[in-house]
N, C-alpha and C. Protein backbone atom coordinates (compact mmCIF):
# COMPACT_ATOMS: atom_id res chain seq x y z
N MET A 1 2.00 -50.23 43.68
CA MET A 1 1.80 -51.47 42.96
C MET A 1 3.15 -52.01 42.49
N ASN A 2 3.31 -53.28 42.68
CA ASN A 2 4.52 -53.95 42.24
C ASN A 2 4.25 -54.65 40.92
N SER A 3 5.28 -54.74 40.10
CA SER A 3 5.09 -55.47 38.85
C SER A 3 5.69 -56.86 39.01
N TYR A 4 5.01 -57.84 38.48
CA TYR A 4 5.44 -59.22 38.58
C TYR A 4 5.33 -59.83 37.21
N HIS A 5 6.45 -60.11 36.58
CA HIS A 5 6.51 -60.66 35.22
C HIS A 5 5.71 -59.81 34.23
N GLY A 6 5.81 -58.53 34.37
CA GLY A 6 5.13 -57.65 33.44
C GLY A 6 3.69 -57.36 33.81
N TYR A 7 3.14 -58.05 34.81
CA TYR A 7 1.76 -57.80 35.23
C TYR A 7 1.77 -57.01 36.52
N GLU A 8 0.76 -56.22 36.69
CA GLU A 8 0.62 -55.46 37.94
C GLU A 8 0.08 -56.40 39.02
N ARG A 9 0.67 -56.31 40.21
CA ARG A 9 0.20 -57.12 41.33
C ARG A 9 -0.27 -56.18 42.43
N ARG A 10 -1.49 -56.41 42.87
CA ARG A 10 -2.02 -55.56 43.94
C ARG A 10 -1.55 -56.08 45.29
N GLU A 11 -1.37 -55.16 46.22
CA GLU A 11 -0.94 -55.53 47.57
C GLU A 11 -2.06 -56.33 48.24
N GLY A 12 -1.66 -57.37 49.02
CA GLY A 12 -2.64 -58.15 49.76
C GLY A 12 -3.20 -59.31 48.99
N TYR A 13 -2.84 -59.45 47.73
CA TYR A 13 -3.35 -60.56 46.92
C TYR A 13 -2.22 -61.55 46.68
N HIS A 14 -2.56 -62.81 46.72
CA HIS A 14 -1.59 -63.85 46.42
C HIS A 14 -1.48 -63.97 44.92
N ARG A 15 -0.31 -64.27 44.41
CA ARG A 15 -0.11 -64.23 42.97
C ARG A 15 -0.89 -65.31 42.22
N SER A 16 -1.19 -66.46 42.84
CA SER A 16 -1.90 -67.50 42.10
C SER A 16 -3.39 -67.52 42.40
N TYR A 17 -3.85 -66.64 43.27
CA TYR A 17 -5.26 -66.61 43.61
C TYR A 17 -5.81 -65.22 43.31
N HIS A 18 -7.08 -65.17 42.99
CA HIS A 18 -7.72 -63.89 42.69
C HIS A 18 -8.40 -63.30 43.91
N LYS A 19 -8.40 -64.03 45.02
CA LYS A 19 -9.02 -63.50 46.22
C LYS A 19 -7.94 -63.04 47.20
N PRO A 20 -8.27 -62.14 48.09
CA PRO A 20 -7.27 -61.64 49.05
C PRO A 20 -6.75 -62.75 49.95
N ARG A 21 -5.53 -62.59 50.46
CA ARG A 21 -4.90 -63.61 51.29
C ARG A 21 -5.66 -63.87 52.58
N GLU A 22 -6.22 -62.83 53.19
CA GLU A 22 -6.89 -63.04 54.47
C GLU A 22 -8.15 -63.88 54.34
N ASP A 23 -8.77 -63.93 53.16
CA ASP A 23 -9.95 -64.76 52.96
C ASP A 23 -9.59 -66.20 52.61
N TYR A 24 -8.35 -66.42 52.23
CA TYR A 24 -7.92 -67.75 51.82
C TYR A 24 -7.68 -68.60 53.07
N GLN A 25 -8.34 -69.75 53.13
CA GLN A 25 -8.15 -70.66 54.25
C GLN A 25 -7.24 -71.79 53.79
N ARG A 26 -6.18 -72.01 54.53
CA ARG A 26 -5.26 -73.06 54.14
C ARG A 26 -5.85 -74.43 54.47
N GLN A 27 -5.47 -75.39 53.67
CA GLN A 27 -5.91 -76.76 53.88
C GLN A 27 -5.14 -77.37 55.05
N PRO A 28 -5.80 -78.19 55.87
CA PRO A 28 -5.08 -78.80 56.99
C PRO A 28 -4.04 -79.79 56.49
N PHE A 29 -2.88 -79.75 57.13
CA PHE A 29 -1.80 -80.66 56.77
C PHE A 29 -1.87 -81.91 57.63
N ARG A 30 -1.13 -82.90 57.24
CA ARG A 30 -1.13 -84.16 57.96
C ARG A 30 -0.66 -83.99 59.40
N LYS A 31 0.33 -83.13 59.61
CA LYS A 31 0.84 -82.97 60.96
C LYS A 31 -0.19 -82.29 61.87
N ASP A 32 -1.14 -81.55 61.29
CA ASP A 32 -2.21 -81.00 62.11
C ASP A 32 -3.06 -82.12 62.69
N TYR A 33 -3.30 -83.17 61.90
CA TYR A 33 -4.06 -84.30 62.39
C TYR A 33 -3.26 -85.09 63.42
N GLU A 34 -1.95 -85.17 63.22
CA GLU A 34 -1.12 -85.92 64.15
C GLU A 34 -0.99 -85.23 65.49
N GLN A 35 -1.18 -83.92 65.54
CA GLN A 35 -1.02 -83.19 66.78
C GLN A 35 -2.27 -83.26 67.65
N ARG A 36 -3.37 -83.79 67.11
CA ARG A 36 -4.57 -83.94 67.93
C ARG A 36 -4.30 -84.94 69.04
N GLU A 37 -4.98 -84.70 70.16
CA GLU A 37 -4.80 -85.62 71.28
C GLU A 37 -5.57 -86.90 71.01
N ARG A 38 -4.91 -88.00 71.20
CA ARG A 38 -5.55 -89.30 71.03
C ARG A 38 -5.60 -89.97 72.39
N VAL A 39 -6.70 -90.63 72.65
CA VAL A 39 -6.83 -91.37 73.90
C VAL A 39 -6.33 -92.78 73.64
N LEU A 40 -5.26 -93.15 74.30
CA LEU A 40 -4.68 -94.47 74.13
C LEU A 40 -5.41 -95.46 75.02
N GLN A 41 -5.73 -96.60 74.45
CA GLN A 41 -6.41 -97.65 75.21
C GLN A 41 -5.65 -98.95 75.02
N PRO A 42 -5.68 -99.82 76.04
CA PRO A 42 -5.03 -101.12 75.89
C PRO A 42 -5.68 -101.92 74.77
N GLN A 43 -4.89 -102.72 74.07
CA GLN A 43 -5.39 -103.53 72.97
C GLN A 43 -5.00 -104.98 73.18
N PRO A 44 -5.56 -105.64 74.20
CA PRO A 44 -5.20 -107.04 74.42
C PRO A 44 -5.89 -107.96 73.41
N LEU A 45 -5.31 -109.14 73.20
CA LEU A 45 -5.94 -110.17 72.38
C LEU A 45 -6.61 -111.14 73.34
N GLY A 46 -7.92 -111.02 73.48
CA GLY A 46 -8.63 -111.78 74.50
C GLY A 46 -8.28 -111.20 75.85
N ASP A 47 -7.68 -112.01 76.70
CA ASP A 47 -7.19 -111.47 77.97
C ASP A 47 -5.66 -111.45 78.02
N ARG A 48 -5.01 -111.83 76.92
CA ARG A 48 -3.55 -111.86 76.84
C ARG A 48 -2.99 -110.51 76.39
N CYS A 49 -1.79 -110.20 76.84
CA CYS A 49 -1.12 -108.96 76.45
C CYS A 49 -0.66 -109.06 75.00
N ASN A 50 -0.71 -107.94 74.30
CA ASN A 50 -0.41 -107.88 72.87
C ASN A 50 0.80 -106.97 72.66
N PRO A 51 1.83 -107.40 71.92
CA PRO A 51 2.98 -106.50 71.69
C PRO A 51 2.66 -105.31 70.80
N LEU A 52 1.51 -105.28 70.13
CA LEU A 52 1.11 -104.13 69.32
C LEU A 52 0.37 -103.09 70.14
N CYS A 53 0.13 -103.37 71.40
CA CYS A 53 -0.55 -102.43 72.30
C CYS A 53 0.33 -101.19 72.50
N PRO A 54 -0.25 -99.99 72.55
CA PRO A 54 0.57 -98.79 72.74
C PRO A 54 1.28 -98.73 74.09
N PHE A 55 0.83 -99.53 75.07
CA PHE A 55 1.44 -99.52 76.39
C PHE A 55 2.51 -100.60 76.56
N PHE A 56 2.64 -101.50 75.60
CA PHE A 56 3.63 -102.58 75.69
C PHE A 56 5.02 -102.01 75.44
N ILE A 57 5.97 -102.36 76.30
CA ILE A 57 7.34 -101.88 76.11
C ILE A 57 8.32 -103.04 76.23
N CYS A 58 9.46 -102.87 75.61
CA CYS A 58 10.56 -103.82 75.73
C CYS A 58 11.63 -103.14 76.58
N ASN A 59 12.03 -103.79 77.65
CA ASN A 59 13.01 -103.18 78.55
C ASN A 59 14.41 -103.13 77.97
N LYS A 60 14.65 -103.83 76.87
CA LYS A 60 15.93 -103.77 76.16
C LYS A 60 15.86 -102.85 74.95
N ALA A 61 14.74 -102.20 74.74
CA ALA A 61 14.51 -101.29 73.60
C ALA A 61 14.77 -102.00 72.28
N ALA A 62 14.35 -103.25 72.19
CA ALA A 62 14.58 -104.04 70.99
C ALA A 62 13.31 -104.22 70.16
N LEU A 63 12.22 -103.61 70.57
CA LEU A 63 10.94 -103.78 69.89
C LEU A 63 10.81 -102.76 68.77
N PHE A 64 10.43 -103.21 67.57
CA PHE A 64 10.10 -102.30 66.48
C PHE A 64 8.99 -102.91 65.65
N MET A 65 8.26 -102.05 64.94
CA MET A 65 7.10 -102.48 64.16
C MET A 65 7.46 -102.51 62.68
N LEU A 66 6.94 -103.52 62.00
CA LEU A 66 7.11 -103.64 60.56
C LEU A 66 5.75 -103.81 59.91
N ASN A 67 5.61 -103.31 58.70
CA ASN A 67 4.42 -103.58 57.91
C ASN A 67 4.75 -104.75 56.99
N LYS A 68 4.08 -105.87 57.23
CA LYS A 68 4.39 -107.09 56.52
C LYS A 68 3.21 -107.45 55.61
N PRO A 69 3.47 -107.75 54.32
CA PRO A 69 2.36 -108.12 53.43
C PRO A 69 1.79 -109.49 53.81
N PHE A 70 0.47 -109.55 53.86
CA PHE A 70 -0.21 -110.80 54.19
C PHE A 70 -1.50 -110.85 53.40
N ARG A 71 -1.58 -111.76 52.42
CA ARG A 71 -2.75 -111.94 51.57
C ARG A 71 -3.19 -110.65 50.89
N GLY A 72 -2.25 -109.91 50.39
CA GLY A 72 -2.56 -108.69 49.64
C GLY A 72 -2.75 -107.45 50.48
N LYS A 73 -2.69 -107.56 51.80
CA LYS A 73 -2.84 -106.41 52.69
C LYS A 73 -1.60 -106.32 53.57
N TYR A 74 -1.33 -105.14 54.05
CA TYR A 74 -0.20 -104.95 54.95
C TYR A 74 -0.70 -104.99 56.38
N MET A 75 0.00 -105.77 57.20
CA MET A 75 -0.34 -105.87 58.61
C MET A 75 0.86 -105.45 59.44
N ARG A 76 0.58 -104.79 60.56
CA ARG A 76 1.65 -104.42 61.48
C ARG A 76 2.08 -105.64 62.27
N VAL A 77 3.37 -105.84 62.35
CA VAL A 77 3.92 -106.98 63.08
C VAL A 77 5.03 -106.47 63.99
N ALA A 78 5.04 -106.95 65.23
CA ALA A 78 6.07 -106.56 66.19
C ALA A 78 7.28 -107.47 66.02
N TYR A 79 8.45 -106.88 65.86
CA TYR A 79 9.70 -107.62 65.69
C TYR A 79 10.66 -107.29 66.82
N CYS A 80 11.55 -108.24 67.09
CA CYS A 80 12.56 -108.09 68.13
C CYS A 80 13.94 -108.00 67.48
N ARG A 81 14.71 -107.01 67.88
CA ARG A 81 16.07 -106.86 67.34
C ARG A 81 17.04 -107.88 67.95
N LEU A 82 16.74 -108.36 69.15
CA LEU A 82 17.63 -109.32 69.80
C LEU A 82 17.59 -110.68 69.11
N THR A 83 16.37 -111.15 68.81
CA THR A 83 16.23 -112.47 68.19
C THR A 83 16.20 -112.40 66.68
N GLY A 84 15.84 -111.24 66.13
CA GLY A 84 15.74 -111.10 64.68
C GLY A 84 14.45 -111.65 64.12
N GLY A 85 13.52 -112.02 64.97
CA GLY A 85 12.24 -112.57 64.53
C GLY A 85 11.08 -111.81 65.15
N GLU A 86 9.90 -112.42 65.07
CA GLU A 86 8.72 -111.78 65.65
C GLU A 86 8.81 -111.77 67.17
N CYS A 87 8.25 -110.73 67.76
CA CYS A 87 8.23 -110.58 69.21
C CYS A 87 7.29 -111.64 69.80
N ILE A 88 7.72 -112.28 70.88
CA ILE A 88 6.88 -113.30 71.51
C ILE A 88 5.98 -112.71 72.58
N GLY A 89 6.03 -111.41 72.74
CA GLY A 89 5.10 -110.72 73.63
C GLY A 89 5.40 -110.93 75.09
N SER A 90 4.36 -111.29 75.85
CA SER A 90 4.49 -111.36 77.30
C SER A 90 5.33 -112.56 77.76
N ASP A 91 5.65 -113.49 76.87
CA ASP A 91 6.50 -114.63 77.24
C ASP A 91 7.97 -114.23 77.37
N CYS A 92 8.33 -113.08 76.84
CA CYS A 92 9.72 -112.61 76.89
C CYS A 92 10.03 -112.07 78.28
N GLN A 93 11.27 -112.27 78.73
CA GLN A 93 11.65 -111.79 80.06
C GLN A 93 11.81 -110.27 80.11
N TYR A 94 11.95 -109.62 78.96
CA TYR A 94 12.14 -108.18 78.91
C TYR A 94 10.85 -107.42 78.64
N SER A 95 9.71 -108.09 78.58
CA SER A 95 8.45 -107.41 78.28
C SER A 95 7.97 -106.64 79.50
N GLY A 96 7.24 -105.58 79.23
CA GLY A 96 6.71 -104.75 80.30
C GLY A 96 5.52 -103.95 79.83
N CYS A 97 4.92 -103.21 80.75
CA CYS A 97 3.75 -102.39 80.44
C CYS A 97 3.95 -101.01 81.05
N LYS A 98 3.63 -99.97 80.29
CA LYS A 98 3.80 -98.61 80.78
C LYS A 98 2.87 -98.30 81.94
N ILE A 99 1.70 -98.94 81.97
CA ILE A 99 0.73 -98.66 83.04
C ILE A 99 0.69 -99.80 84.05
N ASN A 100 1.71 -100.67 84.03
CA ASN A 100 1.84 -101.79 84.97
C ASN A 100 0.61 -102.69 84.98
N ALA A 101 0.07 -103.00 83.80
CA ALA A 101 -1.09 -103.87 83.70
C ALA A 101 -0.73 -105.28 83.27
N LEU A 102 0.55 -105.55 83.04
CA LEU A 102 0.99 -106.88 82.61
C LEU A 102 1.15 -107.76 83.85
N LEU A 103 0.34 -108.81 83.93
CA LEU A 103 0.40 -109.74 85.05
C LEU A 103 1.50 -110.78 84.80
N PRO A 104 1.99 -111.45 85.84
CA PRO A 104 3.09 -112.40 85.65
C PRO A 104 2.77 -113.56 84.71
N ASP A 105 1.49 -113.93 84.59
CA ASP A 105 1.14 -115.03 83.71
C ASP A 105 0.87 -114.58 82.28
N GLY A 106 1.12 -113.29 81.96
CA GLY A 106 0.99 -112.79 80.60
C GLY A 106 -0.36 -112.19 80.28
N ARG A 107 -1.25 -112.13 81.26
CA ARG A 107 -2.57 -111.55 81.01
C ARG A 107 -2.54 -110.04 81.26
N CYS A 108 -3.49 -109.34 80.67
CA CYS A 108 -3.60 -107.89 80.82
C CYS A 108 -4.63 -107.59 81.91
N ALA A 109 -4.25 -106.82 82.91
CA ALA A 109 -5.15 -106.49 84.01
C ALA A 109 -6.30 -105.61 83.54
N LYS A 110 -6.06 -104.76 82.55
CA LYS A 110 -7.12 -103.90 82.04
C LYS A 110 -8.19 -104.71 81.31
N ALA A 111 -7.79 -105.77 80.62
CA ALA A 111 -8.75 -106.65 79.95
C ALA A 111 -9.58 -107.40 80.98
N LEU A 112 -8.95 -107.81 82.07
CA LEU A 112 -9.69 -108.52 83.11
C LEU A 112 -10.66 -107.59 83.83
N GLU A 113 -10.31 -106.30 83.95
CA GLU A 113 -11.23 -105.33 84.56
C GLU A 113 -12.50 -105.20 83.74
N LYS A 114 -12.36 -105.19 82.42
CA LYS A 114 -13.54 -105.06 81.57
C LYS A 114 -14.44 -106.28 81.66
N LYS A 115 -13.83 -107.46 81.83
CA LYS A 115 -14.62 -108.69 81.90
C LYS A 115 -15.33 -108.86 83.24
N SER A 116 -14.75 -108.31 84.31
CA SER A 116 -15.34 -108.50 85.63
C SER A 116 -16.66 -107.75 85.73
N ARG A 117 -17.57 -108.32 86.49
CA ARG A 117 -18.91 -107.75 86.63
C ARG A 117 -18.89 -106.69 87.72
N HIS A 118 -19.36 -105.51 87.41
CA HIS A 118 -19.44 -104.44 88.39
C HIS A 118 -20.81 -104.50 89.05
N VAL A 119 -20.83 -104.72 90.36
CA VAL A 119 -22.07 -104.86 91.11
C VAL A 119 -22.33 -103.56 91.85
N SER A 120 -23.54 -103.04 91.69
CA SER A 120 -23.88 -101.81 92.41
C SER A 120 -24.15 -102.15 93.88
N ASP A 121 -24.17 -101.13 94.71
CA ASP A 121 -24.39 -101.33 96.14
C ASP A 121 -25.78 -101.88 96.42
N GLU A 122 -26.77 -101.43 95.64
CA GLU A 122 -28.14 -101.90 95.86
C GLU A 122 -28.26 -103.39 95.56
N GLU A 123 -27.65 -103.84 94.48
CA GLU A 123 -27.71 -105.27 94.14
C GLU A 123 -27.01 -106.10 95.21
N LEU A 124 -25.90 -105.62 95.70
CA LEU A 124 -25.17 -106.33 96.74
C LEU A 124 -26.00 -106.41 98.02
N PHE A 125 -26.69 -105.33 98.36
CA PHE A 125 -27.54 -105.31 99.55
C PHE A 125 -28.69 -106.30 99.41
N ARG A 126 -29.31 -106.37 98.21
CA ARG A 126 -30.41 -107.33 97.97
C ARG A 126 -29.92 -108.77 98.11
N GLU A 127 -28.74 -109.06 97.60
CA GLU A 127 -28.19 -110.41 97.72
C GLU A 127 -27.93 -110.77 99.18
N LEU A 128 -27.40 -109.82 99.95
CA LEU A 128 -27.16 -110.08 101.37
C LEU A 128 -28.46 -110.32 102.12
N GLN A 129 -29.51 -109.56 101.79
CA GLN A 129 -30.80 -109.76 102.45
C GLN A 129 -31.38 -111.12 102.12
N SER A 130 -31.24 -111.54 100.86
CA SER A 130 -31.80 -112.84 100.48
C SER A 130 -31.06 -113.97 101.20
N ILE A 131 -29.77 -113.80 101.45
CA ILE A 131 -29.01 -114.81 102.19
C ILE A 131 -29.43 -114.82 103.65
N GLU A 132 -29.67 -113.65 104.23
CA GLU A 132 -30.06 -113.57 105.64
C GLU A 132 -31.47 -114.09 105.87
N ASP A 133 -32.32 -114.07 104.85
CA ASP A 133 -33.70 -114.52 105.00
C ASP A 133 -33.82 -116.04 105.11
N TYR A 134 -32.78 -116.76 104.72
CA TYR A 134 -32.83 -118.22 104.84
C TYR A 134 -32.89 -118.62 106.31
N ASP A 135 -33.59 -119.70 106.56
CA ASP A 135 -33.66 -120.23 107.91
C ASP A 135 -32.42 -121.10 108.14
N VAL A 136 -31.74 -120.89 109.21
CA VAL A 136 -30.51 -121.61 109.49
C VAL A 136 -30.80 -123.09 109.71
N SER A 137 -31.99 -123.41 110.20
CA SER A 137 -32.32 -124.81 110.48
C SER A 137 -32.39 -125.64 109.20
N GLU A 138 -32.63 -125.00 108.06
CA GLU A 138 -32.68 -125.73 106.80
C GLU A 138 -31.31 -126.29 106.44
N PHE A 139 -30.26 -125.59 106.82
CA PHE A 139 -28.91 -126.01 106.47
C PHE A 139 -28.33 -127.01 107.47
N ALA A 140 -28.80 -126.98 108.71
CA ALA A 140 -28.27 -127.87 109.75
C ALA A 140 -28.99 -129.21 109.67
N ARG A 141 -28.30 -130.28 109.74
CA ARG A 141 -28.92 -131.61 109.71
C ARG A 141 -28.58 -132.36 110.92
């Protein structure tokens, strides 16, 4: 037994707890939450590319994020070190996308994929049959 400030301390016990160390479960720290895997998804505004998207990059490495107060709340805002103002996003000549989804007109290809209608093979086959069932003489005049 070791003495600690005049009190006897038993082996295996933490000095500020009355239960053994092996039964004590530590509280999760913030970095434990940060180490979890996150699935990154594109974050376009409508169909336009957004500089706050995790895949948006600046080829001059001039992009940085600021928390700017707006009506009592803090909002993330993308800033450019070259211009000293807010990032203009896809209109900039140095803008890019990590997954190559930035189209030349500033739209996000991933946003357009979500908007497009996915047609199953059966539906496509039914549409083709309905077109073939028309009589050609109806169209010829």
